[in-house]
C-alpha atoms as a PDB file:
ATOM      1  CA  UNK A   1     -31.871-166.325  27.541  1.00  0.00           C
ATOM      2  CA  UNK A   2     -31.340-165.427  31.176  1.00  0.00           C
ATOM      3  CA  UNK A   3     -28.724-162.921  32.297  1.00  0.00           C
ATOM      4  CA  UNK A   4     -26.469-165.840  33.292  1.00  0.00           C
ATOM      5  CA  UNK A   5     -26.909-167.321  29.814  1.00  0.00           C
ATOM      6  CA  UNK A   6     -25.938-164.013  28.205  1.00  0.00           C
ATOM      7  CA  UNK A   7     -22.827-163.814  30.396  1.00  0.00           C
ATOM      8  CA  UNK A   8     -21.785-167.328  29.340  1.00  0.00           C
ATOM      9  CA  UNK A   9     -22.463-166.612  25.662  1.00  0.00           C
ATOM     10  CA  UNK A  10     -20.567-163.339  25.896  1.00  0.00           C
ATOM     11  CA  UNK A  11     -17.605-165.172  27.424  1.00  0.00           C
ATOM     12  CA  UNK A  12     -17.637-167.764  24.641  1.00  0.00           C
ATOM     13  CA  UNK A  13     -17.864-165.036  22.020  1.00  0.00           C
ATOM     14  CA  UNK A  14     -14.545-163.705  23.325  1.00  0.00           C
ATOM     15  CA  UNK A  15     -12.853-167.044  24.131  1.00  0.00           C
ATOM     16  CA  UNK A  16     -14.824-169.704  22.247  1.00  0.00           C
ATOM     17  CA  UNK A  17     -12.480-172.641  22.875  1.00  0.00           C
ATOM     18  CA  UNK A  18     -11.456-171.818  26.458  1.00  0.00           C
ATOM     19  CA  UNK A  19     -11.814-174.752  28.827  1.00  0.00           C
ATOM     20  CA  UNK A  20     -14.658-174.821  31.329  1.00  0.00           C
ATOM     21  CA  UNK A  21     -12.037-174.627  34.081  1.00  0.00           C
ATOM     22  CA  UNK A  22     -10.550-171.422  32.643  1.00  0.00           C
ATOM     23  CA  UNK A  23     -13.997-169.937  32.091  1.00  0.00           C
ATOM     24  CA  UNK A  24     -14.919-170.895  35.658  1.00  0.00           C
ATOM     25  CA  UNK A  25     -12.035-168.848  37.066  1.00  0.00           C
ATOM     26  CA  UNK A  26     -13.171-165.788  35.108  1.00  0.00           C
ATOM     27  CA  UNK A  27     -16.926-166.101  35.613  1.00  0.00           C
ATOM     28  CA  UNK A  28     -16.872-167.436  39.184  1.00  0.00           C
ATOM     29  CA  UNK A  29     -19.182-170.345  38.314  1.00  0.00           C
ATOM     30  CA  UNK A  30     -18.389-174.050  38.730  1.00  0.00           C
ATOM     31  CA  UNK A  31     -17.136-175.702  35.502  1.00  0.00           C
ATOM     32  CA  UNK A  32     -19.828-178.387  35.644  1.00  0.00           C
ATOM     33  CA  UNK A  33     -22.521-175.733  35.935  1.00  0.00           C
ATOM     34  CA  UNK A  34     -21.124-173.862  32.920  1.00  0.00           C
ATOM     35  CA  UNK A  35     -20.925-177.037  30.840  1.00  0.00           C
ATOM     36  CA  UNK A  36     -24.482-178.012  31.779  1.00  0.00           C
ATOM     37  CA  UNK A  37     -25.801-174.523  31.013  1.00  0.00           C
ATOM     38  CA  UNK A  38     -24.052-174.503  27.639  1.00  0.00           C
ATOM     39  CA  UNK A  39     -25.394-177.963  26.765  1.00  0.00           C
ATOM     40  CA  UNK A  40     -28.913-176.710  27.479  1.00  0.00           C
ATOM     41  CA  UNK A  41     -28.461-173.681  25.202  1.00  0.00           C
ATOM     42  CA  UNK A  42     -27.104-175.855  22.384  1.00  0.00           C
ATOM     43  CA  UNK A  43     -29.873-178.420  22.792  1.00  0.00           C
ATOM     44  CA  UNK A  44     -32.504-175.670  22.613  1.00  0.00           C
ATOM     45  CA  UNK A  45     -30.930-174.317  19.402  1.00  0.00           C
ATOM     46  CA  UNK A  46     -30.124-171.005  21.075  1.00  0.00           C
ATOM     47  CA  UNK A  47     -26.357-170.974  20.539  1.00  0.00           C
ATOM     48  CA  UNK A  48     -23.432-172.776  18.945  1.00  0.00           C
ATOM     49  CA  UNK A  49     -19.681-172.428  18.600  1.00  0.00           C
ATOM     50  CA  UNK A  50     -18.457-172.820  15.040  1.00  0.00           C
ATOM     51  CA  UNK A  51     -15.847-171.460  12.642  1.00  0.00           C
ATOM     52  CA  UNK A  52     -15.794-169.049   9.723  1.00  0.00           C
ATOM     53  CA  UNK A  53     -13.062-168.482   7.128  1.00  0.00           C
ATOM     54  CA  UNK A  54     -10.323-166.111   8.224  1.00  0.00           C
ATOM     55  CA  UNK A  55      -8.301-163.743   5.987  1.00  0.00           C
ATOM     56  CA  UNK A  56      -5.822-166.411   4.828  1.00  0.00           C
ATOM     57  CA  UNK A  57      -8.525-168.919   3.884  1.00  0.00           C
ATOM     58  CA  UNK A  58     -10.559-166.207   2.174  1.00  0.00           C
ATOM     59  CA  UNK A  59      -7.625-165.691  -0.197  1.00  0.00           C
ATOM     60  CA  UNK A  60      -8.074-169.294  -1.374  1.00  0.00           C
ATOM     61  CA  UNK A  61     -11.824-169.016  -1.972  1.00  0.00           C
ATOM     62  CA  UNK A  62     -14.415-167.106  -3.957  1.00  0.00           C
ATOM     63  CA  UNK A  63     -16.495-165.202  -1.395  1.00  0.00           C
ATOM     64  CA  UNK A  64     -19.433-163.113  -2.550  1.00  0.00           C
ATOM     65  CA  UNK A  65     -22.815-161.675  -1.691  1.00  0.00           C
ATOM     66  CA  UNK A  66     -25.449-162.718  -4.214  1.00  0.00           C
ATOM     67  CA  UNK A  67     -28.868-161.059  -4.342  1.00  0.00           C
ATOM     68  CA  UNK A  68     -31.624-163.159  -5.929  1.00  0.00           C
ATOM     69  CA  UNK A  69     -34.842-161.816  -7.393  1.00  0.00           C
ATOM     70  CA  UNK A  70     -37.411-164.608  -7.473  1.00  0.00           C
ATOM     71  CA  UNK A  71     -40.977-165.204  -8.482  1.00  0.00           C
ATOM     72  CA  UNK A  72     -43.033-163.881  -5.582  1.00  0.00           C
ATOM     73  CA  UNK A  73     -44.691-167.232  -4.891  1.00  0.00           C
ATOM     74  CA  UNK A  74     -41.425-169.217  -5.002  1.00  0.00           C
ATOM     75  CA  UNK A  75     -39.079-167.290  -2.671  1.00  0.00           C
ATOM     76  CA  UNK A  76     -39.284-169.785   0.190  1.00  0.00           C
ATOM     77  CA  UNK A  77     -39.011-172.732  -2.196  1.00  0.00           C
ATOM     78  CA  UNK A  78     -35.806-171.312  -3.671  1.00  0.00           C
ATOM     79  CA  UNK A  79     -34.367-170.652  -0.206  1.00  0.00           C
ATOM     80  CA  UNK A  80     -35.138-174.156   1.053  1.00  0.00           C
ATOM     81  CA  UNK A  81     -33.684-175.725  -2.093  1.00  0.00           C
ATOM     82  CA  UNK A  82     -30.394-173.903  -1.495  1.00  0.00           C
ATOM     83  CA  UNK A  83     -30.067-174.631   2.252  1.00  0.00           C
ATOM     84  CA  UNK A  84     -28.157-177.964   1.849  1.00  0.00           C
ATOM     85  CA  UNK A  85     -25.513-176.377  -0.411  1.00  0.00           C
ATOM     86  CA  UNK A  86     -22.191-176.486   1.485  1.00  0.00           C
ATOM     87  CA  UNK A  87     -20.925-173.364  -0.319  1.00  0.00           C
ATOM     88  CA  UNK A  88     -23.629-171.193   1.238  1.00  0.00           C
ATOM     89  CA  UNK A  89     -22.840-169.652   4.609  1.00  0.00           C
ATOM     90  CA  UNK A  90     -26.101-167.725   4.917  1.00  0.00           C
ATOM     91  CA  UNK A  91     -29.480-167.273   3.196  1.00  0.00           C
ATOM     92  CA  UNK A  92     -31.549-164.249   4.224  1.00  0.00           C
ATOM     93  CA  UNK A  93     -34.954-162.956   3.156  1.00  0.00           C
ATOM     94  CA  UNK A  94     -34.562-159.188   2.862  1.00  0.00           C
ATOM     95  CA  UNK A  95     -36.793-156.143   2.412  1.00  0.00           C
ATOM     96  CA  UNK A  96     -35.709-154.419  -0.795  1.00  0.00           C
ATOM     97  CA  UNK A  97     -35.522-154.740  -4.555  1.00  0.00           C
ATOM     98  CA  UNK A  98     -34.267-158.354  -4.299  1.00  0.00           C
ATOM     99  CA  UNK A  99     -35.791-161.167  -2.262  1.00  0.00           C
ATOM    100  CA  UNK A 100     -32.855-163.232  -0.992  1.00  0.00           C
ATOM    101  CA  UNK A 101     -29.296-162.343   0.004  1.00  0.00           C
ATOM    102  CA  UNK A 102     -26.840-165.251  -0.155  1.00  0.00           C
ATOM    103  CA  UNK A 103     -23.399-165.308   1.427  1.00  0.00           C
ATOM    104  CA  UNK A 104     -21.299-167.653  -0.699  1.00  0.00           C
ATOM    105  CA  UNK A 105     -17.907-169.090   0.289  1.00  0.00           C
ATOM    106  CA  UNK A 106     -16.909-171.275  -2.657  1.00  0.00           C
ATOM    107  CA  UNK A 107     -13.764-173.348  -2.208  1.00  0.00           C
ATOM    108  CA  UNK A 108     -11.554-174.000  -5.213  1.00  0.00           C
ATOM    109  CA  UNK A 109     -12.582-170.795  -6.978  1.00  0.00           C
ATOM    110  CA  UNK A 110     -15.982-172.319  -7.825  1.00  0.00           C
ATOM    111  CA  UNK A 111     -18.201-169.211  -7.711  1.00  0.00           C
ATOM    112  CA  UNK A 112     -18.717-169.324 -11.469  1.00  0.00           C
ATOM    113  CA  UNK A 113     -19.910-172.932 -11.234  1.00  0.00           C
ATOM    114  CA  UNK A 114     -22.276-172.010  -8.407  1.00  0.00           C
ATOM    115  CA  UNK A 115     -23.786-169.164 -10.418  1.00  0.00           C
ATOM    116  CA  UNK A 116     -23.929-170.864 -13.813  1.00  0.00           C
ATOM    117  CA  UNK A 117     -24.935-174.339 -12.712  1.00  0.00           C
ATOM    118  CA  UNK A 118     -26.678-174.098  -9.337  1.00  0.00           C
ATOM    119  CA  UNK A 119     -28.397-170.722  -9.591  1.00  0.00           C
ATOM    120  CA  UNK A 120     -28.728-170.954 -13.367  1.00  0.00           C
ATOM    121  CA  UNK A 121     -30.748-174.162 -13.119  1.00  0.00           C
ATOM    122  CA  UNK A 122     -33.091-173.027 -10.333  1.00  0.00           C
ATOM    123  CA  UNK A 123     -36.704-172.569 -11.333  1.00  0.00           C
ATOM    124  CA  UNK A 124     -38.170-169.484  -9.734  1.00  0.00           C
ATOM    125  CA  UNK A 125     -35.023-167.311  -9.946  1.00  0.00           C
ATOM    126  CA  UNK A 126     -35.538-164.349 -12.265  1.00  0.00           C
ATOM    127  CA  UNK A 127     -32.305-162.403 -11.747  1.00  0.00           C
ATOM    128  CA  UNK A 128     -29.148-162.340  -9.652  1.00  0.00           C
ATOM    129  CA  UNK A 129     -26.589-159.663  -8.800  1.00  0.00           C
ATOM    130  CA  UNK A 130     -23.123-160.428  -7.423  1.00  0.00           C
ATOM    131  CA  UNK A 131     -20.736-158.474  -5.214  1.00  0.00           C
ATOM    132  CA  UNK A 132     -17.396-160.219  -4.694  1.00  0.00           C
ATOM    133  CA  UNK A 133     -15.687-159.752  -1.312  1.00  0.00           C
ATOM    134  CA  UNK A 134     -12.243-158.153  -1.672  1.00  0.00           C
ATOM    135  CA  UNK A 135     -11.251-157.778   2.001  1.00  0.00           C
ATOM    136  CA  UNK A 136     -12.501-158.370   5.518  1.00  0.00           C
ATOM    137  CA  UNK A 137     -12.455-155.121   7.495  1.00  0.00           C
ATOM    138  CA  UNK A 138     -14.411-156.086  10.639  1.00  0.00           C
ATOM    139  CA  UNK A 139     -14.835-159.808  11.310  1.00  0.00           C
ATOM    140  CA  UNK A 140     -18.056-161.136  12.906  1.00  0.00           C
ATOM    141  CA  UNK A 141     -16.042-163.101  15.483  1.00  0.00           C
ATOM    142  CA  UNK A 142     -15.046-159.807  17.166  1.00  0.00           C
ATOM    143  CA  UNK A 143     -18.644-158.925  18.107  1.00  0.00           C
ATOM    144  CA  UNK A 144     -19.973-159.863  21.553  1.00  0.00           C
ATOM    145  CA  UNK A 145     -22.906-159.027  23.789  1.00  0.00           C
ATOM    146  CA  UNK A 146     -20.860-156.919  26.223  1.00  0.00           C
ATOM    147  CA  UNK A 147     -22.621-158.640  29.098  1.00  0.00           C
ATOM    148  CA  UNK A 148     -19.447-158.788  31.193  1.00  0.00           C
ATOM    149  CA  UNK A 149     -17.233-156.168  32.894  1.00  0.00           C
ATOM    150  CA  UNK A 150     -14.229-154.924  30.930  1.00  0.00           C
ATOM    151  CA  UNK A 151     -11.838-156.630  33.360  1.00  0.00           C
ATOM    152  CA  UNK A 152     -13.326-160.058  32.588  1.00  0.00           C
ATOM    153  CA  UNK A 153     -13.337-159.357  28.850  1.00  0.00           C
ATOM    154  CA  UNK A 154      -9.611-158.594  29.040  1.00  0.00           C
ATOM    155  CA  UNK A 155      -8.899-161.876  30.843  1.00  0.00           C
ATOM    156  CA  UNK A 156     -10.965-163.820  28.304  1.00  0.00           C
ATOM    157  CA  UNK A 157      -9.250-162.071  25.386  1.00  0.00           C
ATOM    158  CA  UNK A 158      -5.894-163.076  26.820  1.00  0.00           C
ATOM    159  CA  UNK A 159      -7.029-166.720  27.019  1.00  0.00           C
ATOM    160  CA  UNK A 160      -8.082-166.618  23.374  1.00  0.00           C
ATOM    161  CA  UNK A 161      -4.880-164.954  22.200  1.00  0.00           C
ATOM    162  CA  UNK A 162      -2.716-167.451  24.078  1.00  0.00           C
ATOM    163  CA  UNK A 163      -4.598-170.352  22.477  1.00  0.00           C
ATOM    164  CA  UNK A 164      -3.613-169.317  18.952  1.00  0.00           C
ATOM    165  CA  UNK A 165      -0.223-167.754  19.683  1.00  0.00           C
ATOM    166  CA  UNK A 166       1.743-170.944  18.996  1.00  0.00           C
ATOM    167  CA  UNK A 167       0.383-171.050  15.458  1.00  0.00           C
ATOM    168  CA  UNK A 168       1.053-167.442  14.493  1.00  0.00           C
ATOM    169  CA  UNK A 169       3.089-167.014  11.336  1.00  0.00           C
ATOM    170  CA  UNK A 170       3.100-170.735  10.543  1.00  0.00           C
ATOM    171  CA  UNK A 171       1.595-171.628   7.154  1.00  0.00           C
ATOM    172  CA  UNK A 172      -1.102-174.292   7.043  1.00  0.00           C
ATOM    173  CA  UNK A 173      -1.617-176.580   4.073  1.00  0.00           C
ATOM    174  CA  UNK A 174      -5.218-177.393   3.178  1.00  0.00           C
ATOM    175  CA  UNK A 175      -4.646-181.158   3.188  1.00  0.00           C
ATOM    176  CA  UNK A 176      -7.106-183.901   4.165  1.00  0.00           C
ATOM    177  CA  UNK A 177      -6.424-183.762   7.955  1.00  0.00           C
ATOM    178  CA  UNK A 178      -6.877-179.981   8.077  1.00  0.00           C
ATOM    179  CA  UNK A 179     -10.090-180.179   6.061  1.00  0.00           C
ATOM    180  CA  UNK A 180     -11.357-182.896   8.415  1.00  0.00           C
ATOM    181  CA  UNK A 181     -10.498-180.687  11.402  1.00  0.00           C
ATOM    182  CA  UNK A 182     -12.290-177.688   9.879  1.00  0.00           C
ATOM    183  CA  UNK A 183     -15.366-179.773   9.117  1.00  0.00           C
ATOM    184  CA  UNK A 184     -15.484-181.051  12.709  1.00  0.00           C
ATOM    185  CA  UNK A 185     -14.989-177.533  14.093  1.00  0.00           C
ATOM    186  CA  UNK A 186     -17.725-176.302  11.753  1.00  0.00           C
ATOM    187  CA  UNK A 187     -20.107-178.731  13.413  1.00  0.00           C
ATOM    188  CA  UNK A 188     -18.931-177.967  16.956  1.00  0.00           C
ATOM    189  CA  UNK A 189     -16.198-175.418  17.507  1.00  0.00           C
ATOM    190  CA  UNK A 190     -15.649-176.690  21.067  1.00  0.00           C
ATOM    191  CA  UNK A 191     -14.880-180.266  20.008  1.00  0.00           C
ATOM    192  CA  UNK A 192     -12.057-181.611  22.175  1.00  0.00           C
ATOM    193  CA  UNK A 193      -8.593-182.248  20.763  1.00  0.00           C
ATOM    194  CA  UNK A 194      -9.025-185.962  21.449  1.00  0.00           C
ATOM    195  CA  UNK A 195     -12.196-186.065  19.353  1.00  0.00           C
ATOM    196  CA  UNK A 196     -10.652-183.895  16.633  1.00  0.00           C
ATOM    197  CA  UNK A 197      -7.646-186.220  16.470  1.00  0.00           C
ATOM    198  CA  UNK A 198      -9.878-189.261  16.059  1.00  0.00           C
ATOM    199  CA  UNK A 199     -11.869-187.541  13.322  1.00  0.00           C
ATOM    200  CA  UNK A 200      -8.772-186.537  11.348  1.00  0.00           C
ATOM    201  CA  UNK A 201      -6.902-189.807  11.957  1.00  0.00           C
ATOM    202  CA  UNK A 202      -3.953-188.103  13.640  1.00  0.00           C
ATOM    203  CA  UNK A 203      -2.513-187.883  17.158  1.00  0.00           C
ATOM    204  CA  UNK A 204      -3.890-185.489  19.743  1.00  0.00           C
ATOM    205  CA  UNK A 205      -0.566-183.615  19.707  1.00  0.00           C
ATOM    206  CA  UNK A 206      -0.744-183.211  15.922  1.00  0.00           C
ATOM    207  CA  UNK A 207      -4.374-182.088  16.196  1.00  0.00           C
ATOM    208  CA  UNK A 208      -3.406-179.447  18.777  1.00  0.00           C
ATOM    209  CA  UNK A 209      -0.587-178.194  16.559  1.00  0.00           C
ATOM    210  CA  UNK A 210      -2.805-178.054  13.458  1.00  0.00           C
ATOM    211  CA  UNK A 211      -5.718-176.341  15.209  1.00  0.00           C
ATOM    212  CA  UNK A 212      -3.312-173.784  16.638  1.00  0.00           C
ATOM    213  CA  UNK A 213      -1.986-173.089  13.120  1.00  0.00           C
ATOM    214  CA  UNK A 214      -5.476-172.785  11.653  1.00  0.00           C
ATOM    215  CA  UNK A 215      -6.548-170.284  14.319  1.00  0.00           C
ATOM    216  CA  UNK A 216      -3.265-168.454  14.976  1.00  0.00           C
ATOM    217  CA  UNK A 217      -2.462-168.324  11.254  1.00  0.00           C
ATOM    218  CA  UNK A 218      -5.852-166.679  10.582  1.00  0.00           C
ATOM    219  CA  UNK A 219      -7.144-169.434   8.341  1.00  0.00           C
ATOM    220  CA  UNK A 220     -10.268-169.763  10.463  1.00  0.00           C
ATOM    221  CA  UNK A 221     -11.912-167.711  13.173  1.00  0.00           C
ATOM    222  CA  UNK A 222     -13.801-169.480  15.937  1.00  0.00           C
ATOM    223  CA  UNK A 223     -17.020-167.773  16.959  1.00  0.00           C
ATOM    224  CA  UNK A 224     -20.094-168.217  19.110  1.00  0.00           C
ATOM    225  CA  UNK A 225     -23.370-167.636  17.242  1.00  0.00           C
ATOM    226  CA  UNK A 226     -26.713-167.099  18.944  1.00  0.00           C
ATOM    227  CA  UNK A 227     -30.394-167.152  18.115  1.00  0.00           C
ATOM    228  CA  UNK A 228     -31.106-163.457  18.501  1.00  0.00           C
ATOM    229  CA  UNK A 229     -34.795-163.401  19.419  1.00  0.00           C
ATOM    230  CA  UNK A 230     -35.115-161.955  22.911  1.00  0.00           C
ATOM    231  CA  UNK A 231     -31.373-161.329  23.175  1.00  0.00           C
ATOM    232  CA  UNK A 232     -31.537-157.561  22.688  1.00  0.00           C
ATOM    233  CA  UNK A 233     -30.319-157.866  19.089  1.00  0.00           C
ATOM    234  CA  UNK A 234     -33.361-159.394  17.397  1.00  0.00           C
ATOM    235  CA  UNK A 235     -32.994-157.781  13.954  1.00  0.00           C
ATOM    236  CA  UNK A 236     -30.199-157.311  11.479  1.00  0.00           C
ATOM    237  CA  UNK A 237     -29.799-154.771   8.718  1.00  0.00           C
ATOM    238  CA  UNK A 238     -27.593-154.769   5.639  1.00  0.00           C
ATOM    239  CA  UNK A 239     -26.049-151.464   4.542  1.00  0.00           C
ATOM    240  CA  UNK A 240     -24.264-150.771   1.250  1.00  0.00           C
ATOM    241  CA  UNK A 241     -21.936-147.787   1.197  1.00  0.00           C
ATOM    242  CA  UNK A 242     -18.724-146.357  -0.199  1.00  0.00           C
ATOM    243  CA  UNK A 243     -15.411-145.094   1.118  1.00  0.00           C
ATOM    244  CA  UNK A 244     -11.779-144.782   0.089  1.00  0.00           C
ATOM    245  CA  UNK A 245      -9.589-147.780   1.027  1.00  0.00           C
ATOM    246  CA  UNK A 246      -7.235-145.550   3.034  1.00  0.00           C
ATOM    247  CA  UNK A 247     -10.163-144.615   5.303  1.00  0.00           C
ATOM    248  CA  UNK A 248     -11.103-148.195   6.289  1.00  0.00           C
ATOM    249  CA  UNK A 249     -11.557-148.264  10.100  1.00  0.00           C
ATOM    250  CA  UNK A 250      -9.655-150.338  12.646  1.00  0.00           C
ATOM    251  CA  UNK A 251     -11.350-152.713  15.076  1.00  0.00           C
ATOM    252  CA  UNK A 252     -11.663-150.037  17.766  1.00  0.00           C
ATOM    253  CA  UNK A 253     -14.719-148.793  15.883  1.00  0.00           C
ATOM    254  CA  UNK A 254     -16.631-151.574  17.678  1.00  0.00           C
ATOM    255  CA  UNK A 255     -16.341-149.549  20.876  1.00  0.00           C
ATOM    256  CA  UNK A 256     -17.965-146.542  19.182  1.00  0.00           C
ATOM    257  CA  UNK A 257     -20.610-148.473  17.209  1.00  0.00           C
ATOM    258  CA  UNK A 258     -21.623-151.481  19.361  1.00  0.00           C
ATOM    259  CA  UNK A 259     -24.278-152.568  16.845  1.00  0.00           C
ATOM    260  CA  UNK A 260     -21.668-153.113  14.109  1.00  0.00           C
ATOM    261  CA  UNK A 261     -21.316-156.805  13.340  1.00  0.00           C
ATOM    262  CA  UNK A 262     -19.501-157.112  10.000  1.00  0.00           C
ATOM    263  CA  UNK A 263     -17.771-154.821   7.516  1.00  0.00           C
ATOM    264  CA  UNK A 264     -16.260-156.002   4.251  1.00  0.00           C
ATOM    265  CA  UNK A 265     -15.090-154.371   1.047  1.00  0.00           C
ATOM    266  CA  UNK A 266     -16.785-155.583  -2.126  1.00  0.00           C
ATOM    267  CA  UNK A 267     -16.923-155.015  -5.844  1.00  0.00           C
ATOM    268  CA  UNK A 268     -19.716-153.024  -7.463  1.00  0.00           C
ATOM    269  CA  UNK A 269     -21.128-149.512  -7.414  1.00  0.00           C
ATOM    270  CA  UNK A 270     -20.807-149.478  -3.611  1.00  0.00           C
ATOM    271  CA  UNK A 271     -17.569-150.909  -2.226  1.00  0.00           C
ATOM    272  CA  UNK A 272     -18.607-151.392   1.414  1.00  0.00           C
ATOM    273  CA  UNK A 273     -20.944-154.025   2.890  1.00  0.00           C
ATOM    274  CA  UNK A 274     -21.991-153.531   6.525  1.00  0.00           C
ATOM    275  CA  UNK A 275     -24.108-155.672   8.847  1.00  0.00           C
ATOM    276  CA  UNK A 276     -25.559-154.194  12.047  1.00  0.00           C
ATOM    277  CA  UNK A 277     -27.592-155.933  14.738  1.00  0.00           C
ATOM    278  CA  UNK A 278     -30.584-154.076  16.149  1.00  0.00           C
ATOM    279  CA  UNK A 279     -33.271-154.631  18.753  1.00  0.00           C
ATOM    280  CA  UNK A 280     -35.786-152.810  16.543  1.00  0.00           C
ATOM    281  CA  UNK A 281     -35.730-151.552  12.928  1.00  0.00           C
ATOM    282  CA  UNK A 282     -36.460-148.085  14.346  1.00  0.00           C
ATOM    283  CA  UNK A 283     -32.914-148.105  15.768  1.00  0.00           C
ATOM    284  CA  UNK A 284     -31.345-148.135  12.306  1.00  0.00           C
ATOM    285  CA  UNK A 285     -31.198-144.366  11.810  1.00  0.00           C
ATOM    286  CA  UNK A 286     -29.299-143.871  15.078  1.00  0.00           C
ATOM    287  CA  UNK A 287     -26.823-146.642  14.220  1.00  0.00           C
ATOM    288  CA  UNK A 288     -26.344-145.242  10.735  1.00  0.00           C
ATOM    289  CA  UNK A 289     -25.524-141.846  12.208  1.00  0.00           C
ATOM    290  CA  UNK A 290     -23.037-143.468  14.604  1.00  0.00           C
ATOM    291  CA  UNK A 291     -21.300-145.079  11.627  1.00  0.00           C
ATOM    292  CA  UNK A 292     -21.142-141.822   9.684  1.00  0.00           C
ATOM    293  CA  UNK A 293     -19.785-139.956  12.732  1.00  0.00           C
ATOM    294  CA  UNK A 294     -17.165-142.640  13.435  1.00  0.00           C
ATOM    295  CA  UNK A 295     -15.898-143.227   9.888  1.00  0.00           C
ATOM    296  CA  UNK A 296     -14.782-140.179   7.980  1.00  0.00           C
ATOM    297  CA  UNK A 297     -15.623-140.295   4.298  1.00  0.00           C
ATOM    298  CA  UNK A 298     -18.219-143.080   4.569  1.00  0.00           C
ATOM    299  CA  UNK A 299     -21.430-142.692   2.589  1.00  0.00           C
ATOM    300  CA  UNK A 300     -24.396-145.083   2.861  1.00  0.00           C
ATOM    301  CA  UNK A 301     -26.488-145.476  -0.267  1.00  0.00           C
ATOM    302  CA  UNK A 302     -28.764-148.460   0.403  1.00  0.00           C
ATOM    303  CA  UNK A 303     -30.281-150.350   3.293  1.00  0.00           C
ATOM    304  CA  UNK A 304     -31.997-153.731   3.792  1.00  0.00           C
ATOM    305  CA  UNK A 305     -33.784-155.076   6.871  1.00  0.00           C
ATOM    306  CA  UNK A 306     -33.481-158.858   7.183  1.00  0.00           C
ATOM    307  CA  UNK A 307     -37.002-160.248   7.563  1.00  0.00           C
ATOM    308  CA  UNK A 308     -36.032-163.892   8.040  1.00  0.00           C
ATOM    309  CA  UNK A 309     -32.852-165.950   8.058  1.00  0.00           C
ATOM    310  CA  UNK A 310     -33.090-169.428   6.560  1.00  0.00           C
ATOM    311  CA  UNK A 311     -29.437-170.325   7.053  1.00  0.00           C
ATOM    312  CA  UNK A 312     -26.723-168.677   9.153  1.00  0.00           C
ATOM    313  CA  UNK A 313     -23.017-169.564   9.117  1.00  0.00           C
ATOM    314  CA  UNK A 314     -23.691-173.105   7.968  1.00  0.00           C
ATOM    315  CA  UNK A 315     -26.727-173.774  10.173  1.00  0.00           C
ATOM    316  CA  UNK A 316     -30.323-174.191   9.037  1.00  0.00           C
ATOM    317  CA  UNK A 317     -32.610-172.074  11.220  1.00  0.00           C
ATOM    318  CA  UNK A 318     -36.206-172.609  12.288  1.00  0.00           C
ATOM    319  CA  UNK A 319     -38.726-169.870  11.560  1.00  0.00           C
ATOM    320  CA  UNK A 320     -38.240-168.503  15.096  1.00  0.00           C
ATOM    321  CA  UNK A 321     -34.481-168.191  14.498  1.00  0.00           C
ATOM    322  CA  UNK A 322     -33.388-171.155  16.609  1.00  0.00           C
ATOM    323  CA  UNK A 323     -30.783-173.527  15.196  1.00  0.00           C
ATOM    324  CA  UNK A 324     -32.314-176.596  13.592  1.00  0.00           C
ATOM    325  CA  UNK A 325     -29.529-178.418  11.740  1.00  0.00           C
ATOM    326  CA  UNK A 326     -25.796-177.972  11.173  1.00  0.00           C
ATOM    327  CA  UNK A 327     -24.623-178.132   7.550  1.00  0.00           C
ATOM    328  CA  UNK A 328     -20.827-177.781   7.748  1.00  0.00           C
ATOM    329  CA  UNK A 329     -19.242-175.646   5.054  1.00  0.00           C
ATOM    330  CA  UNK A 330     -17.031-177.237   2.390  1.00  0.00           C
ATOM    331  CA  UNK A 331     -13.880-175.218   3.130  1.00  0.00           C
END
């Protein structure tokens, strides 16, 4: 990506559904130029706008991290077999005692079915370990490249907040139109209201109202994902740690630990799952120290470097990390 590309991606990470006209006023670039640049990035598999479950939707689902230990000669086969499964957000090949780390978001409380039927019937899987997600502390949609001045970030944040404000505090029912909207947004989070309305079989006004409820009501978060090679954040690491619930950090920790991508509380011996993005595995010790300095009472007991990502937030990835195919989640 060029510097201009990074600026555009950074803007969309903060305000993913802002119009090209609004983005133009912030970035000082013609709307047509922005739209053309974005289309090129999407076509090259370098970026996409999508959705992920927010806190309210997570309460209706079984969300878990599942580590698989496989036969050494069947790891890739197992990963590729699982890619089409709409309950799997991500599939990562990790350095550690297990081979694959799965991020599962199973609608309808179907984690047990996934484990007993899907994983249980897979040849090549020797063992699995499960950590169920109990809360979302730092959401991935809050992370951005910081490629823009603080003044522009503030303006973009305001655009994003205004977009969901009308839906704040309004419950959303997971009926057929909302599920159709979420599926469409999972394929392309910048889909226009007119197109969303046609997909869900409702009016554009109803689509606008429903999308606002889904976002403002924290059922979904809209986010801009990128292929990280050459972006300055080419590697990711998984950390497992522990801390007391009353010491969980607020979102301002992102200013003190810029590499922090995700933090969730989980079940198991360690109750904290952390994802950090690095430019080099050698950076991990520094980032770990930043976390320990910023969060009182945190201990880190285990670490995993991600060697390859087969699937990321509902998208199949090529070996070089570019986006190959969208497989929308079954929320």
